[in-house]
């Protein structure tokens, strides 16, 4: 707990010494870090059975709303909002979604036990965040980089030898075991 409080105090002190020109220089030098990737909203049907998927696609092509059919037959929520090109899971799905044309029924394709048909309903293009939007994050990052990584070891060197543990309650961090004269009573 002491370590985290000291780190917070050091971080706050370091943030005060960071100038707007330091922030602007970091922003200019590391511009790719501040690009928000393209995102897409998708309405989809996810089922285990190829037969169920074919029936659902027939209903959609006959004029029923994809959202209505997906709400009824899909195993998962019928909409995904803000899907990014490189999600941690379902990479194959993301590859298909980002290759698809907006407002066109795409699929079917299979990933694992799931069968998919989807439609891209909205495309949010990639954009660069403005300096004003990223200023606080850059300030924290620069301040964090200036902190000493071995703070915990330095604290242990300084205060470990002054630490006294009661007999029977000795831990590795104690500098001198058993100097309290008896067991600790709570």
Protein backbone atom coordinates (compact mmCIF):
# COMPACT_ATOMS: atom_id res chain seq x y z
CA UNK A 1 0.00 0.00 0.00
CA UNK A 2 2.85 2.34 0.81
CA UNK A 3 4.41 1.65 -2.58
CA UNK A 4 1.22 2.50 -4.47
CA UNK A 5 0.72 5.73 -2.51
CA UNK A 6 4.29 6.81 -3.15
CA UNK A 7 3.92 5.96 -6.84
CA UNK A 8 0.73 8.03 -7.02
CA UNK A 9 2.46 10.96 -5.36
CA UNK A 10 5.48 10.67 -7.67
CA UNK A 11 3.18 10.39 -10.69
CA UNK A 12 1.29 13.54 -9.67
CA UNK A 13 4.57 15.41 -9.15
CA UNK A 14 5.92 14.23 -12.50
CA UNK A 15 2.71 15.28 -14.30
CA UNK A 16 3.15 18.85 -13.01
CA UNK A 17 6.54 19.12 -14.71
CA UNK A 18 5.34 18.05 -18.16
CA UNK A 19 4.91 21.00 -20.48
CA UNK A 20 2.44 21.41 -23.36
CA UNK A 21 5.40 21.36 -25.74
CA UNK A 22 6.45 17.93 -24.35
CA UNK A 23 2.93 16.67 -25.00
CA UNK A 24 2.81 18.13 -28.51
CA UNK A 25 6.22 16.62 -29.34
CA UNK A 26 5.11 13.17 -28.16
CA UNK A 27 1.85 13.48 -30.10
CA UNK A 28 3.68 14.45 -33.29
CA UNK A 29 6.27 11.70 -32.95
CA UNK A 30 3.77 8.93 -32.09
CA UNK A 31 0.77 9.86 -34.25
CA UNK A 32 -0.08 6.23 -35.21
CA UNK A 33 -0.87 5.53 -31.54
CA UNK A 34 -3.78 7.96 -31.76
CA UNK A 35 -5.58 6.55 -34.79
CA UNK A 36 -8.98 5.10 -34.01
CA UNK A 37 -9.58 2.20 -36.41
CA UNK A 38 -12.63 1.85 -38.63
CA UNK A 39 -15.58 0.39 -36.77
CA UNK A 40 -18.68 -1.32 -38.09
CA UNK A 41 -22.11 -2.08 -36.72
CA UNK A 42 -23.53 -5.43 -37.79
CA UNK A 43 -26.87 -7.21 -37.69
CA UNK A 44 -26.38 -10.95 -37.84
CA UNK A 45 -27.88 -14.37 -37.54
CA UNK A 46 -25.82 -16.93 -35.63
CA UNK A 47 -27.03 -20.54 -35.45
CA UNK A 48 -25.58 -24.00 -35.07
CA UNK A 49 -27.61 -25.56 -37.86
CA UNK A 50 -27.04 -24.93 -41.55
CA UNK A 51 -30.69 -25.84 -42.19
CA UNK A 52 -31.98 -23.22 -39.73
CA UNK A 53 -29.68 -20.63 -41.34
CA UNK A 54 -30.97 -21.43 -44.85
CA UNK A 55 -34.59 -21.04 -43.67
CA UNK A 56 -33.76 -17.70 -42.02
CA UNK A 57 -32.04 -16.42 -45.18
CA UNK A 58 -35.09 -17.42 -47.23
CA UNK A 59 -37.29 -15.37 -44.88
CA UNK A 60 -35.02 -12.34 -45.22
CA UNK A 61 -34.91 -12.61 -49.01
CA UNK A 62 -38.71 -12.94 -49.01
CA UNK A 63 -38.91 -9.47 -47.46
CA UNK A 64 -38.80 -9.94 -43.68
CA UNK A 65 -36.51 -7.71 -41.67
CA UNK A 66 -33.10 -9.21 -40.92
CA UNK A 67 -33.32 -7.83 -37.38
CA UNK A 68 -36.73 -9.45 -36.82
CA UNK A 69 -35.58 -12.83 -38.12
CA UNK A 70 -32.29 -12.60 -36.20
CA UNK A 71 -34.12 -11.72 -32.96
CA UNK A 72 -36.22 -14.85 -33.35
CA UNK A 73 -33.67 -17.48 -34.47
CA UNK A 74 -30.19 -16.21 -33.57
CA UNK A 75 -28.30 -17.80 -30.68
CA UNK A 76 -26.60 -14.52 -29.86
CA UNK A 77 -27.66 -10.89 -29.68
CA UNK A 78 -28.74 -9.88 -33.20
CA UNK A 79 -26.57 -6.75 -33.32
CA UNK A 80 -22.92 -5.90 -32.77
CA UNK A 81 -21.92 -2.27 -32.43
CA UNK A 82 -18.42 -0.89 -32.86
CA UNK A 83 -16.72 -4.03 -34.18
CA UNK A 84 -13.05 -3.26 -34.85
CA UNK A 85 -10.85 -4.92 -37.50
CA UNK A 86 -8.70 -6.83 -35.01
CA UNK A 87 -10.85 -8.18 -32.16
CA UNK A 88 -9.38 -10.60 -29.64
CA UNK A 89 -11.89 -13.30 -30.60
CA UNK A 90 -13.78 -14.19 -33.75
CA UNK A 91 -11.09 -12.96 -36.12
CA UNK A 92 -12.60 -14.81 -39.05
CA UNK A 93 -15.91 -13.01 -38.47
CA UNK A 94 -14.12 -9.64 -38.37
CA UNK A 95 -12.30 -10.45 -41.61
CA UNK A 96 -15.63 -11.20 -43.33
CA UNK A 97 -17.33 -8.12 -41.84
CA UNK A 98 -14.59 -5.74 -43.02
CA UNK A 99 -14.60 -7.27 -46.50
CA UNK A 100 -18.39 -6.91 -46.83
CA UNK A 101 -20.23 -4.05 -48.53
CA UNK A 102 -22.56 -2.05 -46.29
CA UNK A 103 -26.30 -2.83 -46.40
CA UNK A 104 -25.81 -6.08 -48.36
CA UNK A 105 -26.59 -9.51 -46.90
CA UNK A 106 -23.30 -11.43 -46.63
CA UNK A 107 -22.56 -15.06 -45.92
CA UNK A 108 -23.19 -17.75 -45.10
CA UNK A 109 -19.91 -18.79 -43.57
CA UNK A 110 -18.91 -20.99 -40.71
CA UNK A 111 -16.58 -20.44 -37.77
CA UNK A 112 -16.33 -23.32 -35.30
CA UNK A 113 -19.82 -24.69 -34.62
CA UNK A 114 -21.49 -21.41 -35.62
CA UNK A 115 -23.02 -20.54 -38.98
CA UNK A 116 -23.29 -16.81 -39.82
CA UNK A 117 -25.17 -14.49 -42.13
CA UNK A 118 -24.86 -10.75 -41.54
CA UNK A 119 -25.35 -7.25 -42.87
CA UNK A 120 -23.13 -4.27 -42.14
CA UNK A 121 -25.53 -1.55 -41.01
CA UNK A 122 -23.09 1.30 -40.30
CA UNK A 123 -19.47 2.15 -41.06
CA UNK A 124 -17.53 4.60 -38.89
CA UNK A 125 -14.35 5.51 -40.79
CA UNK A 126 -10.93 5.48 -39.16
CA UNK A 127 -9.86 8.82 -37.73
CA UNK A 128 -7.01 10.43 -35.87
CA UNK A 129 -7.78 11.70 -32.37
CA UNK A 130 -7.05 15.39 -31.84
CA UNK A 131 -4.29 16.49 -29.50
CA UNK A 132 -6.85 17.95 -27.08
CA UNK A 133 -8.54 14.53 -26.84
CA UNK A 134 -5.30 12.72 -26.05
CA UNK A 135 -3.55 15.29 -23.87
CA UNK A 136 -4.43 13.69 -20.50
CA UNK A 137 -3.38 10.21 -21.63
CA UNK A 138 -0.09 11.52 -23.03
CA UNK A 139 0.59 13.42 -19.80
CA UNK A 140 0.05 10.21 -17.74
CA UNK A 141 2.21 8.19 -20.10
CA UNK A 142 5.11 10.66 -20.00
CA UNK A 143 4.87 10.94 -16.20
CA UNK A 144 4.80 7.16 -15.83
CA UNK A 145 7.90 6.81 -17.99
CA UNK A 146 9.81 9.13 -15.68
CA UNK A 147 9.13 7.04 -12.55
CA UNK A 148 11.79 4.75 -11.18
CA UNK A 149 10.92 1.12 -11.94
CA UNK A 150 12.70 -0.18 -8.84
CA UNK A 151 10.74 1.89 -6.30
CA UNK A 152 9.61 -1.16 -4.35
CA UNK A 153 13.18 -2.47 -4.04
CA UNK A 154 14.42 0.95 -2.92
CA UNK A 155 11.69 1.16 -0.27
CA UNK A 156 12.56 -2.31 0.98
CA UNK A 157 16.26 -1.41 1.18
CA UNK A 158 15.49 1.73 3.16
CA UNK A 159 12.69 0.52 5.43
CA UNK A 160 13.18 -3.25 5.52
CA UNK A 161 15.99 -3.07 8.05
CA UNK A 162 13.84 -0.89 10.30
CA UNK A 163 10.88 -3.29 10.22
CA UNK A 164 10.27 -5.39 13.32
CA UNK A 165 8.11 -8.53 13.27
CA UNK A 166 6.69 -10.30 16.29
CA UNK A 167 7.82 -13.86 17.03
CA UNK A 168 5.64 -16.30 15.15
CA UNK A 169 4.53 -13.63 12.66
CA UNK A 170 7.77 -13.30 10.72
CA UNK A 171 7.45 -12.75 6.97
CA UNK A 172 10.10 -12.36 4.27
CA UNK A 173 9.82 -8.57 4.30
CA UNK A 174 10.82 -8.29 8.00
CA UNK A 175 14.22 -6.86 8.68
CA UNK A 176 14.54 -8.03 12.32
CA UNK A 177 12.35 -10.84 13.61
CA UNK A 178 11.18 -11.15 17.22
CA UNK A 179 12.27 -7.87 18.81
CA UNK A 180 8.86 -6.90 20.22
CA UNK A 181 9.32 -8.96 23.35
CA UNK A 182 6.37 -11.26 22.92
CA UNK A 183 3.54 -12.36 20.69
CA UNK A 184 1.40 -9.72 19.05
CA UNK A 185 -2.02 -9.46 20.67
CA UNK A 186 -4.98 -8.29 18.65
